[in-house]
Amino acid sequence: MKALWIVCLKELRELSRDRRTLFLALVMGPLLVPALMIGMLTLAQKRAQSQTEKPLEIVIVGADRAPELVKWLAGEGISRKTIPGDPDAAIRDQDEDAYLRIGDDYATQWTSGTPALVEIVHDSTRQDSSIPVRRIETALQRYGQQVGALRLLARGINPAVAAPLLPTRKDLSTPEARNKGFAMAFLPYLLILSSFLGGAHLIVDTTAGERERQSLEPLLATPAPRGALVSGKVVAASVVGLLALLLTLLALKIGAMLVPDMASLMDVSVLAIGKMLLILVPMLLIGTALLTYIAAGAKSVKEAQSYMPVLMLLPIVPSILLMVSPVRTQLWQYAVPFLAQNQMLLNVIRGEAVAPLAWLVYFGAGLGLAALLWFAATRRYHQEQLAISA
C-alpha cells in the first residue's frame, strides 16, 4: 500500500510540473462542457423566442382567392410578402422557410361548404423552418375551427355537436422534467465522456509515454510490486479525473446562476450536482482502468492516442439507441456500461427518484467492471515483453 501511494504522489508531482497538460486537464476540460451547454441553450432559446414572437412574413400564392384568410392571418402576426422568382426555388435555396399556396378551386370549395385546399410548402429536412411552419399550421387550424363554428351557428346548430369527444391531457411528469429535452439530449453524453476520459492525459503519459521514453524498465526493476505500480498510476489518474469532473459540475452550477434560463432546463441544485458526481465515479474508474490496459500495450504515445476516437464514440452509443428506439427503463439497464450512466443521469436531470435496488445494481455492476479492468491492467504489467519492447 505504501508503494501505491508513493507511485501516485510521484505521478501527480510530475503532472504538476507539466503546466500545459495540467491546464488542459483541469481548466479547458471542465470549462468546455459548461460552455457548450450554456452556448447551445442560449442560442436555441434566443432563436426559438425570436421566431415565435416576431412578425412572420411569408409568400402567399393565390392570395386573391382568399382575401378574408389573408386578413385573418395578418391579425395573427403572419403577413404577406412578395418575392421575385419561383417560391419553390427560394425554399430550396434556403431563402424562405415556408410559403402558403391557396388552391385554384378555393372560392368554389368555400362557397359549396366543402374543405378548401390550403397547402403549406416547406422543406422538412430543415430544422430551422419547424417553428414558422408550426405557427402557420396552428393559425390555419384556429381559422378553420372558427369558420366551422360560425357555419354551424348560421344553420342553428350548436358547434359542440360537431365535437363528440373532448380529448385532454393529464401530464404526470414532474415539473423539473418539463422543458428539458435539449439538456437531456446532450448533457448525459458530455458528462459521461468527461468522466470516461477524464484521466486520459495522465494515463497515456505514464504508460505509453514511459515505454516511449524507455523509463519503464527501471521502474519495473524496483522492489515495488507491479500491482502497486499500476494501482498507483490508476489512483493518480482517478484523482485528476475526479477533480476535473468536480470542476465541470461546479462550472455548470455557476453557469446556471449566471444564465437563469439554464436552471429552468436542468436541475443544477447542490443535491443534483452531488448525485451526478456520485453516478459518474464508477464511469471514471472504468475509463481510467480501460485506458491503463490499452495504453500499457502501446509502444508510443501516438499509438495510444490512436484509440481515442473509438473510445470517444462509446458513450454516445446509448444516446443514439435511445433516440432511434426508445425503451422503458428496466432494472437490467443499470448494469450495462454507458447505458446505465445515461439512464441515471436522465433521472437526475428529470428530477425523478431512483429506486434503492437500481442504485445497488448500478454500483455493483459499475464497480465490478472497473475492478475487472483494473485486474486486467495489472496482469498486463506482469508481462515481461512490456519492458523488453520499451
Protein backbone atom coordinates (compact mmCIF):
# COMPACT_ATOMS: atom_id res chain seq x y z
CA MET A 1 0.00 0.00 0.00
CA LYS A 2 2.91 2.34 0.75
CA ALA A 3 4.37 1.73 -2.71
CA LEU A 4 0.99 2.53 -4.26
CA TRP A 5 0.82 5.96 -2.64
CA ILE A 6 4.45 6.67 -3.48
CA VAL A 7 3.76 5.99 -7.17
CA CYS A 8 0.55 8.01 -7.01
CA LEU A 9 2.24 11.04 -5.48
CA LYS A 10 5.13 10.70 -7.95
CA GLU A 11 2.78 10.82 -10.95
CA LEU A 12 0.81 13.75 -9.53
CA ARG A 13 4.03 15.64 -8.82
CA GLU A 14 5.25 15.11 -12.37
CA LEU A 15 1.90 16.22 -13.76
CA SER A 16 2.04 19.42 -11.72
CA ARG A 17 5.31 20.27 -13.45
CA ASP A 18 3.70 19.92 -16.89
CA ARG A 19 1.75 23.17 -16.87
CA ARG A 20 0.29 22.72 -20.35
CA THR A 21 -1.14 19.25 -19.65
CA LEU A 22 -2.42 20.40 -16.26
CA PHE A 23 -4.13 23.37 -17.94
CA LEU A 24 -5.82 21.11 -20.48
CA ALA A 25 -6.94 18.61 -17.84
CA LEU A 26 -8.18 20.97 -15.14
CA VAL A 27 -9.13 24.15 -16.99
CA MET A 28 -10.03 23.53 -20.64
CA GLY A 29 -11.83 20.24 -20.00
CA PRO A 30 -14.03 21.42 -17.10
CA LEU A 31 -14.86 24.64 -18.91
CA LEU A 32 -15.67 23.01 -22.24
CA VAL A 33 -18.82 21.15 -21.17
CA PRO A 34 -20.48 24.12 -19.40
CA ALA A 35 -19.50 26.43 -22.23
CA LEU A 36 -21.06 24.09 -24.80
CA MET A 37 -24.24 23.66 -22.77
CA ILE A 38 -24.67 27.37 -21.98
CA GLY A 39 -23.87 28.37 -25.55
CA MET A 40 -26.22 25.86 -27.17
CA LEU A 41 -29.06 26.51 -24.72
CA THR A 42 -28.74 30.28 -25.06
CA LEU A 43 -28.63 30.21 -28.84
CA ALA A 44 -31.52 27.75 -29.10
CA GLN A 45 -33.73 29.73 -26.74
CA LYS A 46 -32.98 33.08 -28.36
CA ARG A 47 -33.67 31.68 -31.81
CA ALA A 48 -36.91 29.99 -30.74
CA GLN A 49 -38.08 33.11 -28.90
CA SER A 50 -37.31 35.40 -31.82
CA GLN A 51 -39.06 33.14 -34.34
CA THR A 52 -42.10 32.73 -32.10
CA GLU A 53 -42.63 36.36 -31.11
CA LYS A 54 -41.53 38.38 -34.12
CA PRO A 55 -43.96 39.04 -37.03
CA LEU A 56 -43.77 36.38 -39.71
CA GLU A 57 -43.73 37.38 -43.36
CA ILE A 58 -44.49 34.65 -45.90
CA VAL A 59 -45.29 34.36 -49.56
CA ILE A 60 -48.96 33.56 -50.22
CA VAL A 61 -49.56 32.18 -53.68
CA GLY A 62 -53.16 32.77 -54.77
CA ALA A 63 -53.86 35.34 -52.03
CA ASP A 64 -56.54 36.99 -54.20
CA ARG A 65 -58.62 33.81 -53.93
CA ALA A 66 -58.91 34.09 -50.11
CA PRO A 67 -58.76 37.75 -49.03
CA GLU A 68 -60.50 37.07 -45.70
CA LEU A 69 -57.98 34.38 -44.82
CA VAL A 70 -55.10 36.71 -45.67
CA LYS A 71 -56.59 39.43 -43.43
CA TRP A 72 -57.08 36.96 -40.58
CA LEU A 73 -53.51 35.72 -40.84
CA ALA A 74 -52.26 39.31 -40.74
CA GLY A 75 -54.12 39.75 -37.47
CA GLU A 76 -52.26 36.70 -36.16
CA GLY A 77 -48.89 38.23 -36.99
CA ILE A 78 -48.44 36.38 -40.29
CA SER A 79 -48.33 38.94 -43.09
CA ARG A 80 -47.99 38.55 -46.82
CA LYS A 81 -44.91 39.45 -48.82
CA THR A 82 -43.86 39.09 -52.44
CA ILE A 83 -40.59 37.85 -53.84
CA PRO A 84 -39.25 37.71 -57.39
CA GLY A 85 -38.96 34.28 -58.94
CA ASP A 86 -40.23 30.84 -58.00
CA PRO A 87 -41.07 30.34 -54.29
CA ASP A 88 -40.16 26.64 -54.54
CA ALA A 89 -36.69 27.63 -55.67
CA ALA A 90 -36.48 30.12 -52.81
CA ILE A 91 -37.13 27.33 -50.32
CA ARG A 92 -34.60 25.03 -51.97
CA ASP A 93 -32.06 27.87 -51.85
CA GLN A 94 -32.97 28.43 -48.15
CA ASP A 95 -34.03 32.00 -48.85
CA GLU A 96 -37.51 31.24 -47.48
CA ASP A 97 -38.63 28.93 -44.67
CA ALA A 98 -42.13 28.23 -46.00
CA TYR A 99 -44.92 29.69 -48.06
CA LEU A 100 -48.67 29.25 -48.37
CA ARG A 101 -50.36 28.10 -51.56
CA ILE A 102 -54.14 28.57 -51.87
CA GLY A 103 -55.81 26.12 -54.22
CA ASP A 104 -57.23 27.15 -57.58
CA ASP A 105 -60.70 25.94 -56.57
CA TYR A 106 -60.63 27.61 -53.16
CA ALA A 107 -63.53 30.00 -53.90
CA THR A 108 -65.74 27.24 -55.30
CA GLN A 109 -64.99 24.90 -52.43
CA TRP A 110 -65.53 27.67 -49.89
CA THR A 111 -68.92 28.59 -51.37
CA SER A 112 -70.09 24.97 -51.53
CA GLY A 113 -69.05 24.30 -47.95
CA THR A 114 -66.53 21.63 -48.84
CA PRO A 115 -62.98 21.65 -47.40
CA ALA A 116 -60.90 24.25 -49.25
CA LEU A 117 -57.32 23.30 -50.12
CA VAL A 118 -54.61 25.38 -48.43
CA GLU A 119 -51.09 24.00 -48.77
CA ILE A 120 -48.05 24.79 -46.61
CA VAL A 121 -44.93 24.30 -48.72
CA HIS A 122 -41.65 23.77 -46.85
CA ASP A 123 -38.56 21.57 -46.60
CA SER A 124 -38.96 19.11 -43.72
CA THR A 125 -35.22 18.36 -43.60
CA ARG A 126 -34.50 21.92 -42.43
CA GLN A 127 -34.94 22.20 -38.69
CA ASP A 128 -34.83 25.99 -38.79
CA SER A 129 -38.18 26.03 -40.62
CA SER A 130 -40.06 23.99 -38.00
CA ILE A 131 -41.18 26.97 -35.90
CA PRO A 132 -42.54 29.07 -38.84
CA VAL A 133 -44.34 26.03 -40.25
CA ARG A 134 -45.87 25.28 -36.87
CA ARG A 135 -47.04 28.88 -36.49
CA ILE A 136 -48.72 28.82 -39.92
CA GLU A 137 -50.31 25.45 -39.29
CA THR A 138 -51.66 26.49 -35.88
CA ALA A 139 -53.11 29.70 -37.29
CA LEU A 140 -54.85 27.83 -40.12
CA GLN A 141 -56.32 25.32 -37.66
CA ARG A 142 -57.74 28.11 -35.50
CA TYR A 143 -59.20 29.82 -38.56
CA GLY A 144 -60.80 26.59 -39.73
CA GLN A 145 -62.32 25.91 -36.29
CA GLN A 146 -63.66 29.45 -36.05
CA VAL A 147 -65.24 29.40 -39.51
CA GLY A 148 -66.67 25.91 -38.92
CA ALA A 149 -68.31 27.04 -35.67
CA LEU A 150 -69.84 30.12 -37.39
CA ARG A 151 -71.24 27.97 -40.20
CA LEU A 152 -72.95 25.67 -37.70
CA LEU A 153 -74.38 28.62 -35.77
CA ALA A 154 -75.74 30.10 -39.02
CA ARG A 155 -77.65 26.86 -39.52
CA GLY A 156 -78.98 26.86 -35.98
CA ILE A 157 -76.73 24.05 -34.86
CA ASN A 158 -74.71 24.06 -31.68
CA PRO A 159 -70.99 23.83 -32.68
CA ALA A 160 -70.45 21.40 -29.80
CA VAL A 161 -72.43 18.79 -31.77
CA ALA A 162 -69.54 18.57 -34.24
CA ALA A 163 -67.16 17.66 -31.41
CA PRO A 164 -68.46 14.44 -29.84
CA LEU A 165 -65.20 13.96 -27.94
CA LEU A 166 -63.15 16.43 -25.91
CA PRO A 167 -59.62 14.96 -25.71
CA THR A 168 -57.50 16.37 -22.90
CA ARG A 169 -54.14 15.52 -21.42
CA LYS A 170 -53.03 14.84 -17.86
CA ASP A 171 -49.27 15.21 -17.60
CA LEU A 172 -47.79 13.03 -14.83
CA SER A 173 -44.24 14.25 -15.38
CA THR A 174 -42.56 16.22 -12.64
CA PRO A 175 -42.24 19.98 -13.09
CA GLU A 176 -38.45 19.59 -13.26
CA ALA A 177 -38.75 17.18 -16.18
CA ARG A 178 -40.63 19.59 -18.43
CA ASN A 179 -38.84 21.73 -20.99
CA LYS A 180 -35.57 19.79 -20.60
CA GLY A 181 -35.45 17.90 -23.86
CA PHE A 182 -32.47 19.87 -25.11
CA ALA A 183 -30.47 19.33 -21.93
CA MET A 184 -31.37 15.63 -21.79
CA ALA A 185 -30.18 15.14 -25.35
CA PHE A 186 -26.63 16.41 -24.83
CA LEU A 187 -25.72 16.71 -21.17
CA PRO A 188 -25.52 12.98 -20.29
CA TYR A 189 -23.17 12.29 -23.22
CA LEU A 190 -20.93 15.24 -22.39
CA LEU A 191 -20.71 14.30 -18.71
CA ILE A 192 -20.11 10.62 -19.40
CA LEU A 193 -17.41 11.48 -21.91
CA SER A 194 -15.76 13.85 -19.43
CA SER A 195 -15.64 11.18 -16.72
CA PHE A 196 -14.71 8.33 -19.08
CA LEU A 197 -11.68 10.17 -20.48
CA GLY A 198 -11.01 12.44 -17.51
CA GLY A 199 -7.68 10.81 -16.68
CA ALA A 200 -6.56 10.24 -20.26
CA HIS A 201 -3.77 12.85 -20.22
CA LEU A 202 -2.05 11.33 -17.20
CA ILE A 203 -2.64 7.69 -18.13
CA VAL A 204 -1.23 7.97 -21.65
CA ASP A 205 1.85 9.78 -20.39
CA THR A 206 2.54 7.39 -17.51
CA THR A 207 2.10 4.20 -19.56
CA ALA A 208 2.78 4.61 -23.26
CA GLY A 209 4.90 7.66 -22.56
CA GLU A 210 7.17 5.72 -20.22
CA ARG A 211 7.63 3.00 -22.81
CA GLU A 212 8.48 5.57 -25.44
CA ARG A 213 10.96 7.33 -23.14
CA GLN A 214 12.38 3.93 -22.09
CA SER A 215 11.87 4.76 -18.43
CA LEU A 216 9.52 1.83 -17.76
CA GLU A 217 12.19 -0.86 -17.37
CA PRO A 218 13.96 0.89 -14.44
CA LEU A 219 10.56 1.35 -12.79
CA LEU A 220 9.73 -2.33 -13.16
CA ALA A 221 13.14 -3.24 -11.73
CA THR A 222 12.29 -1.62 -8.37
CA PRO A 223 11.19 -3.85 -5.45
CA ALA A 224 7.68 -2.40 -5.60
CA PRO A 225 5.03 -4.97 -6.66
CA ARG A 226 3.76 -4.40 -10.17
CA GLY A 227 0.22 -4.35 -8.88
CA ALA A 228 1.17 -1.38 -6.70
CA LEU A 229 2.79 0.37 -9.67
CA VAL A 230 -0.35 0.00 -11.79
CA SER A 231 -2.67 0.90 -8.93
CA GLY A 232 -0.63 4.00 -8.16
CA LYS A 233 -0.96 5.19 -11.74
CA VAL A 234 -4.69 4.44 -11.81
CA VAL A 235 -5.31 6.18 -8.50
CA ALA A 236 -3.34 9.25 -9.64
CA ALA A 237 -5.32 9.43 -12.90
CA SER A 238 -8.58 8.93 -10.99
CA VAL A 239 -7.73 11.81 -8.66
CA VAL A 240 -7.09 14.09 -11.64
CA GLY A 241 -10.25 12.89 -13.39
CA LEU A 242 -12.34 13.33 -10.24
CA LEU A 243 -11.03 16.85 -9.73
CA ALA A 244 -11.75 17.73 -13.38
CA LEU A 245 -15.25 16.24 -13.08
CA LEU A 246 -15.95 18.18 -9.89
CA LEU A 247 -14.82 21.40 -11.56
CA THR A 248 -17.06 20.62 -14.55
CA LEU A 249 -20.14 20.19 -12.35
CA LEU A 250 -19.31 23.31 -10.35
CA ALA A 251 -18.94 25.23 -13.61
CA LEU A 252 -22.42 24.01 -14.61
CA LYS A 253 -23.75 25.24 -11.28
CA ILE A 254 -22.12 28.65 -11.71
CA GLY A 255 -23.30 28.81 -15.33
CA ALA A 256 -26.88 28.21 -14.20
CA MET A 257 -26.55 31.09 -11.73
CA LEU A 258 -25.31 33.40 -14.49
CA VAL A 259 -27.85 32.21 -17.07
CA PRO A 260 -31.30 31.96 -15.41
CA ASP A 261 -32.86 30.16 -18.37
CA MET A 262 -30.41 27.29 -17.91
CA ALA A 263 -31.78 26.50 -14.45
CA SER A 264 -35.26 26.07 -15.95
CA LEU A 265 -33.98 23.43 -18.37
CA MET A 266 -31.99 21.25 -15.97
CA ASP A 267 -31.71 20.57 -12.26
CA VAL A 268 -28.48 22.15 -11.01
CA SER A 269 -29.22 22.11 -7.28
CA VAL A 270 -26.49 21.07 -4.86
CA LEU A 271 -28.23 17.73 -4.34
CA ALA A 272 -28.45 17.09 -8.10
CA ILE A 273 -24.78 18.02 -8.58
CA GLY A 274 -23.85 15.60 -5.79
CA LYS A 275 -25.89 12.81 -7.38
CA MET A 276 -24.27 13.40 -10.78
CA LEU A 277 -20.81 13.23 -9.22
CA LEU A 278 -21.71 10.00 -7.42
CA ILE A 279 -23.11 8.50 -10.62
CA LEU A 280 -20.03 9.34 -12.67
CA VAL A 281 -17.45 7.92 -10.22
CA PRO A 282 -17.83 4.31 -11.49
CA MET A 283 -17.50 5.52 -15.10
CA LEU A 284 -14.35 7.41 -14.12
CA LEU A 285 -12.84 4.24 -12.67
CA ILE A 286 -13.93 2.17 -15.69
CA GLY A 287 -12.42 4.63 -18.14
CA THR A 288 -9.17 5.01 -16.20
CA ALA A 289 -8.68 1.24 -15.85
CA LEU A 290 -9.54 0.62 -19.52
CA LEU A 291 -7.19 3.36 -20.69
CA THR A 292 -4.43 1.91 -18.50
CA TYR A 293 -4.91 -1.53 -20.05
CA ILE A 294 -4.93 -0.15 -23.61
CA ALA A 295 -2.12 2.37 -23.21
CA ALA A 296 0.12 -0.11 -21.40
CA GLY A 297 0.20 -2.23 -24.55
CA ALA A 298 1.05 0.72 -26.81
CA LYS A 299 4.68 1.34 -27.70
CA SER A 300 4.30 5.11 -28.12
CA VAL A 301 2.06 7.98 -27.13
CA LYS A 302 0.94 8.33 -30.74
CA GLU A 303 -0.20 4.71 -30.84
CA ALA A 304 -2.09 5.11 -27.57
CA GLN A 305 -3.79 8.27 -28.79
CA SER A 306 -4.96 6.49 -31.94
CA TYR A 307 -7.52 4.65 -29.78
CA MET A 308 -9.08 7.88 -28.53
CA PRO A 309 -11.53 8.44 -31.45
CA VAL A 310 -13.03 4.98 -30.89
CA LEU A 311 -13.25 5.50 -27.13
CA MET A 312 -14.96 8.85 -27.62
CA LEU A 313 -17.71 7.19 -29.66
CA LEU A 314 -18.60 4.62 -26.97
CA PRO A 315 -20.52 6.99 -24.64
CA ILE A 316 -22.75 8.24 -27.46
CA VAL A 317 -23.98 4.75 -28.44
CA PRO A 318 -26.70 4.57 -25.73
CA SER A 319 -27.94 8.06 -26.63
CA ILE A 320 -28.28 7.09 -30.28
CA LEU A 321 -30.03 3.81 -29.41
CA LEU A 322 -32.50 5.57 -27.12
CA MET A 323 -33.24 8.20 -29.79
CA VAL A 324 -33.78 5.59 -32.51
CA SER A 325 -35.58 3.01 -30.38
CA PRO A 326 -36.85 4.37 -27.04
CA VAL A 327 -37.31 1.67 -24.40
CA ARG A 328 -38.85 1.61 -20.97
CA THR A 329 -36.43 1.84 -18.09
CA GLN A 330 -35.79 -1.62 -16.69
CA LEU A 331 -33.55 -2.90 -13.91
CA TRP A 332 -31.10 -4.68 -16.23
CA GLN A 333 -30.26 -1.40 -17.95
CA TYR A 334 -28.50 -0.19 -14.80
CA ALA A 335 -25.92 -2.96 -15.27
CA VAL A 336 -24.94 -2.01 -18.85
CA PRO A 337 -21.97 0.39 -19.14
CA PHE A 338 -22.77 3.80 -20.64
CA LEU A 339 -26.48 2.94 -20.85
CA ALA A 340 -26.64 2.78 -17.05
CA GLN A 341 -24.94 6.15 -16.64
CA ASN A 342 -27.22 7.63 -19.30
CA GLN A 343 -30.35 6.41 -17.54
CA MET A 344 -29.16 7.50 -14.10
CA LEU A 345 -28.22 11.00 -15.29
CA LEU A 346 -31.57 11.35 -17.09
CA ASN A 347 -33.36 10.50 -13.85
CA VAL A 348 -31.42 13.20 -12.01
CA ILE A 349 -31.97 15.82 -14.73
CA ARG A 350 -35.68 14.99 -14.86
CA GLY A 351 -35.93 15.29 -11.06
CA GLU A 352 -37.06 11.68 -10.67
CA ALA A 353 -36.22 9.38 -7.78
CA VAL A 354 -34.10 6.27 -8.34
CA ALA A 355 -35.06 3.08 -6.51
CA PRO A 356 -32.53 1.76 -3.96
CA LEU A 357 -32.31 -1.54 -5.88
CA ALA A 358 -31.36 0.37 -9.04
CA TRP A 359 -28.57 2.14 -7.14
CA LEU A 360 -27.37 -1.22 -5.83
CA VAL A 361 -27.34 -2.81 -9.29
CA TYR A 362 -25.67 0.23 -10.78
CA PHE A 363 -22.79 0.42 -8.31
CA GLY A 364 -22.39 -3.35 -8.20
CA ALA A 365 -22.07 -3.65 -11.98
CA GLY A 366 -20.03 -0.46 -12.45
CA LEU A 367 -17.51 -1.04 -9.69
CA GLY A 368 -17.32 -4.72 -10.59
CA LEU A 369 -16.40 -3.90 -14.20
CA ALA A 370 -13.87 -1.31 -13.01
CA ALA A 371 -12.26 -3.90 -10.73
CA LEU A 372 -12.10 -6.42 -13.59
CA LEU A 373 -10.42 -3.92 -15.92
CA TRP A 374 -8.09 -2.88 -13.11
CA PHE A 375 -7.07 -6.51 -12.64
CA ALA A 376 -6.54 -6.92 -16.40
CA ALA A 377 -4.29 -3.85 -16.47
CA THR A 378 -2.30 -5.25 -13.54
CA ARG A 379 -1.84 -8.60 -15.31
CA ARG A 380 -0.59 -6.79 -18.41
CA TYR A 381 2.18 -5.23 -16.32
CA HIS A 382 3.29 -8.75 -15.36
CA GLN A 383 4.14 -9.50 -18.99
CA GLU A 384 7.89 -9.45 -19.49
CA GLN A 385 7.66 -8.24 -23.09
CA LEU A 386 6.25 -5.00 -21.70
CA ALA A 387 9.73 -3.97 -20.57
CA ILE A 388 11.61 -5.66 -23.40
CA SER A 389 9.69 -3.79 -26.13
CA ALA A 390 10.02 -0.50 -24.37
